[in-house]
């Protein structure tokens, strides 16, 4: 969903990607909160497995944020030099 929104910014020439960057930044906070809950309720082996999954999700969010920032730069460049 975030990937689609970030790429839509290219085709629509708008700033949807700005919202994507903001949402992607919340992923790390959500990861920390989820891991605190998991650490309290899960066994050690489960915690390490869940940590790896959560880290992958966070990295995916960071990649989407990078794509969105590129889209924003492309849109700004199109406005500055038509």
PDB file of N, CA and C in Angstrom:
ATOM      1  N   UNK A   1       0.819  -1.182   0.000  1.00  0.00           N
ATOM      2  CA  UNK A   1       0.000   0.000   0.000  1.00  0.00           C
ATOM      3  C   UNK A   1       0.868   1.254   0.000  1.00  0.00           C
ATOM      4  N   UNK A   2       1.893   1.310   0.853  1.00  0.00           N
ATOM      5  CA  UNK A   2       2.775   2.473   0.856  1.00  0.00           C
ATOM      6  C   UNK A   2       3.578   2.560  -0.436  1.00  0.00           C
ATOM      7  N   UNK A   3       3.952   1.408  -0.987  1.00  0.00           N
ATOM      8  CA  UNK A   3       4.695   1.416  -2.250  1.00  0.00           C
ATOM      9  C   UNK A   3       3.832   2.016  -3.343  1.00  0.00           C
ATOM     10  N   UNK A   4       2.583   1.586  -3.430  1.00  0.00           N
ATOM     11  CA  UNK A   4       1.673   2.123  -4.442  1.00  0.00           C
ATOM     12  C   UNK A   4       1.515   3.631  -4.300  1.00  0.00           C
ATOM     13  N   UNK A   5       1.332   4.094  -3.087  1.00  0.00           N
ATOM     14  CA  UNK A   5       1.147   5.527  -2.858  1.00  0.00           C
ATOM     15  C   UNK A   5       2.393   6.307  -3.243  1.00  0.00           C
ATOM     16  N   UNK A   6       3.565   5.768  -2.946  1.00  0.00           N
ATOM     17  CA  UNK A   6       4.783   6.499  -3.290  1.00  0.00           C
ATOM     18  C   UNK A   6       4.982   6.563  -4.791  1.00  0.00           C
ATOM     19  N   UNK A   7       4.663   5.486  -5.492  1.00  0.00           N
ATOM     20  CA  UNK A   7       4.823   5.480  -6.948  1.00  0.00           C
ATOM     21  C   UNK A   7       3.719   6.257  -7.656  1.00  0.00           C
ATOM     22  N   UNK A   8       2.539   6.333  -7.064  1.00  0.00           N
ATOM     23  CA  UNK A   8       1.462   7.133  -7.652  1.00  0.00           C
ATOM     24  C   UNK A   8       1.880   8.589  -7.783  1.00  0.00           C
ATOM     25  N   UNK A   9       2.746   9.032  -6.893  1.00  0.00           N
ATOM     26  CA  UNK A   9       3.225  10.404  -6.956  1.00  0.00           C
ATOM     27  C   UNK A   9       3.942  10.723  -8.253  1.00  0.00           C
ATOM     28  N   UNK A  10       4.564   9.731  -8.869  1.00  0.00           N
ATOM     29  CA  UNK A  10       5.243   9.953 -10.152  1.00  0.00           C
ATOM     30  C   UNK A  10       4.209  10.225 -11.240  1.00  0.00           C
ATOM     31  N   UNK A  11       3.201   9.399 -11.281  1.00  0.00           N
ATOM     32  CA  UNK A  11       2.225   9.462 -12.360  1.00  0.00           C
ATOM     33  C   UNK A  11       1.220  10.593 -12.169  1.00  0.00           C
ATOM     34  N   UNK A  12       0.926  10.922 -10.954  1.00  0.00           N
ATOM     35  CA  UNK A  12      -0.059  11.965 -10.684  1.00  0.00           C
ATOM     36  C   UNK A  12       0.586  13.331 -10.505  1.00  0.00           C
ATOM     37  N   UNK A  13       1.905  13.334 -10.425  1.00  0.00           N
ATOM     38  CA  UNK A  13       2.672  14.577 -10.230  1.00  0.00           C
ATOM     39  C   UNK A  13       2.151  15.358  -9.030  1.00  0.00           C
ATOM     40  N   UNK A  14       1.886  14.666  -7.946  1.00  0.00           N
ATOM     41  CA  UNK A  14       1.464  15.345  -6.734  1.00  0.00           C
ATOM     42  C   UNK A  14       2.386  14.939  -5.584  1.00  0.00           C
ATOM     43  N   UNK A  15       1.964  15.248  -4.403  1.00  0.00           N
ATOM     44  CA  UNK A  15       2.850  15.035  -3.267  1.00  0.00           C
ATOM     45  C   UNK A  15       2.316  13.974  -2.303  1.00  0.00           C
ATOM     46  N   UNK A  16       1.705  12.920  -2.857  1.00  0.00           N
ATOM     47  CA  UNK A  16       1.288  11.782  -2.038  1.00  0.00           C
ATOM     48  C   UNK A  16       2.485  11.171  -1.323  1.00  0.00           C
ATOM     49  N   UNK A  17       3.626  11.220  -1.963  1.00  0.00           N
ATOM     50  CA  UNK A  17       4.832  10.610  -1.415  1.00  0.00           C
ATOM     51  C   UNK A  17       5.232  11.237  -0.088  1.00  0.00           C
ATOM     52  N   UNK A  18       4.880  12.492   0.128  1.00  0.00           N
ATOM     53  CA  UNK A  18       5.211  13.151   1.395  1.00  0.00           C
ATOM     54  C   UNK A  18       4.525  12.439   2.559  1.00  0.00           C
ATOM     55  N   UNK A  19       3.278  12.050   2.378  1.00  0.00           N
ATOM     56  CA  UNK A  19       2.558  11.301   3.404  1.00  0.00           C
ATOM     57  C   UNK A  19       3.160   9.930   3.633  1.00  0.00           C
ATOM     58  N   UNK A  20       3.678   9.334   2.569  1.00  0.00           N
ATOM     59  CA  UNK A  20       4.315   8.018   2.681  1.00  0.00           C
ATOM     60  C   UNK A  20       5.550   8.107   3.567  1.00  0.00           C
ATOM     61  N   UNK A  21       6.344   9.132   3.376  1.00  0.00           N
ATOM     62  CA  UNK A  21       7.552   9.310   4.190  1.00  0.00           C
ATOM     63  C   UNK A  21       7.164   9.431   5.663  1.00  0.00           C
ATOM     64  N   UNK A  22       6.138  10.205   5.933  1.00  0.00           N
ATOM     65  CA  UNK A  22       5.676  10.390   7.313  1.00  0.00           C
ATOM     66  C   UNK A  22       5.200   9.076   7.915  1.00  0.00           C
ATOM     67  N   UNK A  23       4.397   8.320   7.160  1.00  0.00           N
ATOM     68  CA  UNK A  23       3.885   7.043   7.657  1.00  0.00           C
ATOM     69  C   UNK A  23       5.010   6.037   7.861  1.00  0.00           C
ATOM     70  N   UNK A  24       5.974   6.033   6.961  1.00  0.00           N
ATOM     71  CA  UNK A  24       7.081   5.081   7.072  1.00  0.00           C
ATOM     72  C   UNK A  24       7.893   5.329   8.336  1.00  0.00           C
ATOM     73  N   UNK A  25       7.974   6.575   8.769  1.00  0.00           N
ATOM     74  CA  UNK A  25       8.729   6.890   9.982  1.00  0.00           C
ATOM     75  C   UNK A  25       8.057   6.328  11.226  1.00  0.00           C
ATOM     76  N   UNK A  26       6.764   6.082  11.166  1.00  0.00           N
ATOM     77  CA  UNK A  26       6.067   5.544  12.333  1.00  0.00           C
ATOM     78  C   UNK A  26       6.305   4.045  12.501  1.00  0.00           C
ATOM     79  N   UNK A  27       6.824   3.395  11.475  1.00  0.00           N
ATOM     80  CA  UNK A  27       7.038   1.950  11.534  1.00  0.00           C
ATOM     81  C   UNK A  27       8.026   1.577  12.631  1.00  0.00           C
ATOM     82  N   UNK A  28       9.091   2.340  12.779  1.00  0.00           N
ATOM     83  CA  UNK A  28      10.088   2.044  13.815  1.00  0.00           C
ATOM     84  C   UNK A  28       9.477   2.136  15.208  1.00  0.00           C
ATOM     85  N   UNK A  29       8.650   3.136  15.430  1.00  0.00           N
ATOM     86  CA  UNK A  29       7.989   3.270  16.731  1.00  0.00           C
ATOM     87  C   UNK A  29       7.037   2.106  16.973  1.00  0.00           C
ATOM     88  N   UNK A  30       6.322   1.706  15.941  1.00  0.00           N
ATOM     89  CA  UNK A  30       5.414   0.571  16.065  1.00  0.00           C
ATOM     90  C   UNK A  30       6.191  -0.712  16.344  1.00  0.00           C
ATOM     91  N   UNK A  31       7.357  -0.848  15.718  1.00  0.00           N
ATOM     92  CA  UNK A  31       8.200  -2.023  15.944  1.00  0.00           C
ATOM     93  C   UNK A  31       8.635  -2.100  17.408  1.00  0.00           C
ATOM     94  N   UNK A  32       9.084  -0.974  17.948  1.00  0.00           N
ATOM     95  CA  UNK A  32       9.526  -0.951  19.346  1.00  0.00           C
ATOM     96  C   UNK A  32       8.393  -1.308  20.296  1.00  0.00           C
ATOM     97  N   UNK A  33       7.227  -0.771  20.049  1.00  0.00           N
ATOM     98  CA  UNK A  33       6.077  -1.054  20.902  1.00  0.00           C
ATOM     99  C   UNK A  33       5.685  -2.528  20.819  1.00  0.00           C
ATOM    100  N   UNK A  34       5.662  -3.064  19.611  1.00  0.00           N
ATOM    101  CA  UNK A  34       5.306  -4.477  19.430  1.00  0.00           C
ATOM    102  C   UNK A  34       6.324  -5.392  20.106  1.00  0.00           C
ATOM    103  N   UNK A  35       7.597  -5.055  19.988  1.00  0.00           N
ATOM    104  CA  UNK A  35       8.626  -5.904  20.592  1.00  0.00           C
ATOM    105  C   UNK A  35       8.572  -5.875  22.117  1.00  0.00           C
ATOM    106  N   UNK A  36       8.209  -4.748  22.695  1.00  0.00           N
ATOM    107  CA  UNK A  36       8.052  -4.702  24.153  1.00  0.00           C
ATOM    108  C   UNK A  36       6.946  -5.655  24.595  1.00  0.00           C
ATOM    109  N   UNK A  37       5.852  -5.660  23.864  1.00  0.00           N
ATOM    110  CA  UNK A  37       4.732  -6.550  24.182  1.00  0.00           C
ATOM    111  C   UNK A  37       5.129  -8.003  23.997  1.00  0.00           C
ATOM    112  N   UNK A  38       5.803  -8.291  22.889  1.00  0.00           N
ATOM    113  CA  UNK A  38       6.221  -9.666  22.602  1.00  0.00           C
ATOM    114  C   UNK A  38       7.205 -10.158  23.659  1.00  0.00           C
ATOM    115  N   UNK A  39       8.141  -9.317  24.045  1.00  0.00           N
ATOM    116  CA  UNK A  39       9.160  -9.713  25.024  1.00  0.00           C
ATOM    117  C   UNK A  39       8.538 -10.109  26.364  1.00  0.00           C
ATOM    118  N   UNK A  40       7.437  -9.485  26.687  1.00  0.00           N
ATOM    119  CA  UNK A  40       6.777  -9.798  27.955  1.00  0.00           C
ATOM    120  C   UNK A  40       5.993 -11.108  27.900  1.00  0.00           C
ATOM    121  N   UNK A  41       5.525 -11.495  26.709  1.00  0.00           N
ATOM    122  CA  UNK A  41       4.595 -12.609  26.619  1.00  0.00           C
ATOM    123  C   UNK A  41       5.117 -13.836  25.888  1.00  0.00           C
ATOM    124  N   UNK A  42       6.276 -13.754  25.267  1.00  0.00           N
ATOM    125  CA  UNK A  42       6.755 -14.863  24.437  1.00  0.00           C
ATOM    126  C   UNK A  42       8.013 -15.491  25.031  1.00  0.00           C
ATOM    127  N   UNK A  43       8.328 -16.682  24.543  1.00  0.00           N
ATOM    128  CA  UNK A  43       9.548 -17.362  24.936  1.00  0.00           C
ATOM    129  C   UNK A  43      10.719 -16.805  24.127  1.00  0.00           C
ATOM    130  N   UNK A  44      11.930 -17.052  24.611  1.00  0.00           N
ATOM    131  CA  UNK A  44      13.128 -16.467  23.998  1.00  0.00           C
ATOM    132  C   UNK A  44      13.250 -16.807  22.514  1.00  0.00           C
ATOM    133  N   UNK A  45      13.015 -18.054  22.141  1.00  0.00           N
ATOM    134  CA  UNK A  45      13.129 -18.445  20.734  1.00  0.00           C
ATOM    135  C   UNK A  45      12.102 -17.709  19.876  1.00  0.00           C
ATOM    136  N   UNK A  46      10.914 -17.560  20.395  1.00  0.00           N
ATOM    137  CA  UNK A  46       9.871 -16.842  19.665  1.00  0.00           C
ATOM    138  C   UNK A  46      10.236 -15.371  19.515  1.00  0.00           C
ATOM    139  N   UNK A  47      10.807 -14.788  20.545  1.00  0.00           N
ATOM    140  CA  UNK A  47      11.171 -13.372  20.501  1.00  0.00           C
ATOM    141  C   UNK A  47      12.190 -13.117  19.401  1.00  0.00           C
ATOM    142  N   UNK A  48      13.189 -13.987  19.289  1.00  0.00           N
ATOM    143  CA  UNK A  48      14.212 -13.758  18.258  1.00  0.00           C
ATOM    144  C   UNK A  48      13.626 -13.913  16.857  1.00  0.00           C
ATOM    145  N   UNK A  49      12.733 -14.850  16.674  1.00  0.00           N
ATOM    146  CA  UNK A  49      12.098 -15.027  15.363  1.00  0.00           C
ATOM    147  C   UNK A  49      11.210 -13.831  15.019  1.00  0.00           C
ATOM    148  N   UNK A  50      10.445 -13.391  15.988  1.00  0.00           N
ATOM    149  CA  UNK A  50       9.564 -12.239  15.757  1.00  0.00           C
ATOM    150  C   UNK A  50      10.388 -10.984  15.520  1.00  0.00           C
ATOM    151  N   UNK A  51      11.503 -10.848  16.227  1.00  0.00           N
ATOM    152  CA  UNK A  51      12.398  -9.697  16.031  1.00  0.00           C
ATOM    153  C   UNK A  51      12.885  -9.637  14.578  1.00  0.00           C
ATOM    154  N   UNK A  52      13.250 -10.787  14.014  1.00  0.00           N
ATOM    155  CA  UNK A  52      13.723 -10.826  12.620  1.00  0.00           C
ATOM    156  C   UNK A  52      12.613 -10.417  11.658  1.00  0.00           C
ATOM    157  N   UNK A  53      11.408 -10.873  11.922  1.00  0.00           N
ATOM    158  CA  UNK A  53      10.272 -10.513  11.071  1.00  0.00           C
ATOM    159  C   UNK A  53      10.008  -9.009  11.154  1.00  0.00           C
ATOM    160  N   UNK A  54       9.984  -8.491  12.367  1.00  0.00           N
ATOM    161  CA  UNK A  54       9.727  -7.066  12.561  1.00  0.00           C
ATOM    162  C   UNK A  54      10.820  -6.212  11.913  1.00  0.00           C
ATOM    163  N   UNK A  55      12.051  -6.663  11.999  1.00  0.00           N
ATOM    164  CA  UNK A  55      13.154  -5.921  11.383  1.00  0.00           C
ATOM    165  C   UNK A  55      12.997  -5.875   9.862  1.00  0.00           C
ATOM    166  N   UNK A  56      12.553  -6.974   9.278  1.00  0.00           N
ATOM    167  CA  UNK A  56      12.316  -7.008   7.829  1.00  0.00           C
ATOM    168  C   UNK A  56      11.201  -6.050   7.429  1.00  0.00           C
ATOM    169  N   UNK A  57      10.159  -6.006   8.225  1.00  0.00           N
ATOM    170  CA  UNK A  57       9.056  -5.078   7.943  1.00  0.00           C
ATOM    171  C   UNK A  57       9.552  -3.640   8.037  1.00  0.00           C
ATOM    172  N   UNK A  58      10.344  -3.339   9.067  1.00  0.00           N
ATOM    173  CA  UNK A  58      10.883  -1.991   9.225  1.00  0.00           C
ATOM    174  C   UNK A  58      11.765  -1.605   8.045  1.00  0.00           C
ATOM    175  N   UNK A  59      12.629  -2.522   7.634  1.00  0.00           N
ATOM    176  CA  UNK A  59      13.505  -2.233   6.486  1.00  0.00           C
ATOM    177  C   UNK A  59      12.690  -1.988   5.227  1.00  0.00           C
ATOM    178  N   UNK A  60      11.629  -2.764   5.034  1.00  0.00           N
ATOM    179  CA  UNK A  60      10.757  -2.547   3.874  1.00  0.00           C
ATOM    180  C   UNK A  60      10.161  -1.148   3.914  1.00  0.00           C
ATOM    181  N   UNK A  61       9.756  -0.712   5.098  1.00  0.00           N
ATOM    182  CA  UNK A  61       9.238   0.647   5.244  1.00  0.00           C
ATOM    183  C   UNK A  61      10.280   1.693   4.915  1.00  0.00           C
ATOM    184  N   UNK A  62      11.518   1.442   5.308  1.00  0.00           N
ATOM    185  CA  UNK A  62      12.595   2.374   4.981  1.00  0.00           C
ATOM    186  C   UNK A  62      12.839   2.437   3.479  1.00  0.00           C
ATOM    187  N   UNK A  63      12.754   1.299   2.803  1.00  0.00           N
ATOM    188  CA  UNK A  63      12.927   1.278   1.353  1.00  0.00           C
ATOM    189  C   UNK A  63      11.811   2.068   0.666  1.00  0.00           C
ATOM    190  N   UNK A  64      10.585   1.888   1.150  1.00  0.00           N
ATOM    191  CA  UNK A  64       9.455   2.619   0.584  1.00  0.00           C
ATOM    192  C   UNK A  64       9.638   4.116   0.814  1.00  0.00           C
ATOM    193  N   UNK A  65      10.129   4.478   1.979  1.00  0.00           N
ATOM    194  CA  UNK A  65      10.384   5.885   2.272  1.00  0.00           C
ATOM    195  C   UNK A  65      11.430   6.449   1.316  1.00  0.00           C
ATOM    196  N   UNK A  66      12.461   5.675   1.032  1.00  0.00           N
ATOM    197  CA  UNK A  66      13.483   6.111   0.073  1.00  0.00           C
ATOM    198  C   UNK A  66      12.874   6.333  -1.307  1.00  0.00           C
ATOM    199  N   UNK A  67      12.015   5.423  -1.739  1.00  0.00           N
ATOM    200  CA  UNK A  67      11.340   5.567  -3.037  1.00  0.00           C
ATOM    201  C   UNK A  67      10.497   6.835  -3.040  1.00  0.00           C
ATOM    202  N   UNK A  68       9.758   7.065  -1.963  1.00  0.00           N
ATOM    203  CA  UNK A  68       8.911   8.253  -1.880  1.00  0.00           C
ATOM    204  C   UNK A  68       9.733   9.532  -1.938  1.00  0.00           C
ATOM    205  N   UNK A  69      10.889   9.550  -1.284  1.00  0.00           N
ATOM    206  CA  UNK A  69      11.740  10.735  -1.331  1.00  0.00           C
ATOM    207  C   UNK A  69      12.258  10.983  -2.744  1.00  0.00           C
ATOM    208  N   UNK A  70      12.572   9.935  -3.467  1.00  0.00           N
ATOM    209  CA  UNK A  70      12.999  10.082  -4.864  1.00  0.00           C
ATOM    210  C   UNK A  70      11.870  10.666  -5.693  1.00  0.00           C
ATOM    211  N   UNK A  71      10.654  10.172  -5.469  1.00  0.00           N
ATOM    212  CA  UNK A  71       9.484  10.693  -6.187  1.00  0.00           C
ATOM    213  C   UNK A  71       9.305  12.181  -5.893  1.00  0.00           C
ATOM    214  N   UNK A  72       9.431  12.559  -4.636  1.00  0.00           N
ATOM    215  CA  UNK A  72       9.315  13.982  -4.290  1.00  0.00           C
ATOM    216  C   UNK A  72      10.373  14.808  -5.011  1.00  0.00           C
ATOM    217  N   UNK A  73      11.598  14.324  -5.040  1.00  0.00           N
ATOM    218  CA  UNK A  73      12.667  15.042  -5.730  1.00  0.00           C
ATOM    219  C   UNK A  73      12.377  15.170  -7.215  1.00  0.00           C
ATOM    220  N   UNK A  74      11.872  14.101  -7.828  1.00  0.00           N
ATOM    221  CA  UNK A  74      11.533  14.153  -9.244  1.00  0.00           C
ATOM    222  C   UNK A  74      10.441  15.189  -9.514  1.00  0.00           C
ATOM    223  N   UNK A  75       9.427  15.215  -8.659  1.00  0.00           N
ATOM    224  CA  UNK A  75       8.337  16.188  -8.824  1.00  0.00           C
ATOM    225  C   UNK A  75       8.834  17.616  -8.657  1.00  0.00           C
ATOM    226  N   UNK A  76       9.687  17.844  -7.683  1.00  0.00           N
ATOM    227  CA  UNK A  76      10.230  19.192  -7.480  1.00  0.00           C
ATOM    228  C   UNK A  76      11.070  19.590  -8.677  1.00  0.00           C
ATOM    229  N   UNK A  77      11.885  18.678  -9.185  1.00  0.00           N
ATOM    230  CA  UNK A  77      12.714  18.982 -10.360  1.00  0.00           C
ATOM    231  C   UNK A  77      11.872  19.305 -11.581  1.00  0.00           C
ATOM    232  N   UNK A  78      10.726  18.643 -11.734  1.00  0.00           N
ATOM    233  CA  UNK A  78       9.846  18.932 -12.864  1.00  0.00           C
ATOM    234  C   UNK A  78       9.225  20.317 -12.747  1.00  0.00           C
ATOM    235  N   UNK A  79       8.951  20.741 -11.535  1.00  0.00           N
ATOM    236  CA  UNK A  79       8.379  22.066 -11.326  1.00  0.00           C
ATOM    237  C   UNK A  79       9.424  23.160 -11.550  1.00  0.00           C
ATOM    238  N   UNK A  80      10.623  22.908 -11.050  1.00  0.00           N
ATOM    239  CA  UNK A  80      11.687  23.909 -11.157  1.00  0.00           C
ATOM    240  C   UNK A  80      12.153  24.083 -12.598  1.00  0.00           C
ATOM    241  N   UNK A  81      12.324  22.990 -13.308  1.00  0.00           N
ATOM    242  CA  UNK A  81      12.812  23.085 -14.693  1.00  0.00           C
ATOM    243  C   UNK A  81      11.860  22.366 -15.641  1.00  0.00           C
ATOM    244  N   UNK A  82      10.783  23.056 -16.039  1.00  0.00           N
ATOM    245  CA  UNK A  82       9.782  22.419 -16.908  1.00  0.00           C
ATOM    246  C   UNK A  82      10.258  22.136 -18.311  1.00  0.00           C
TER     247      UNK A  82
END
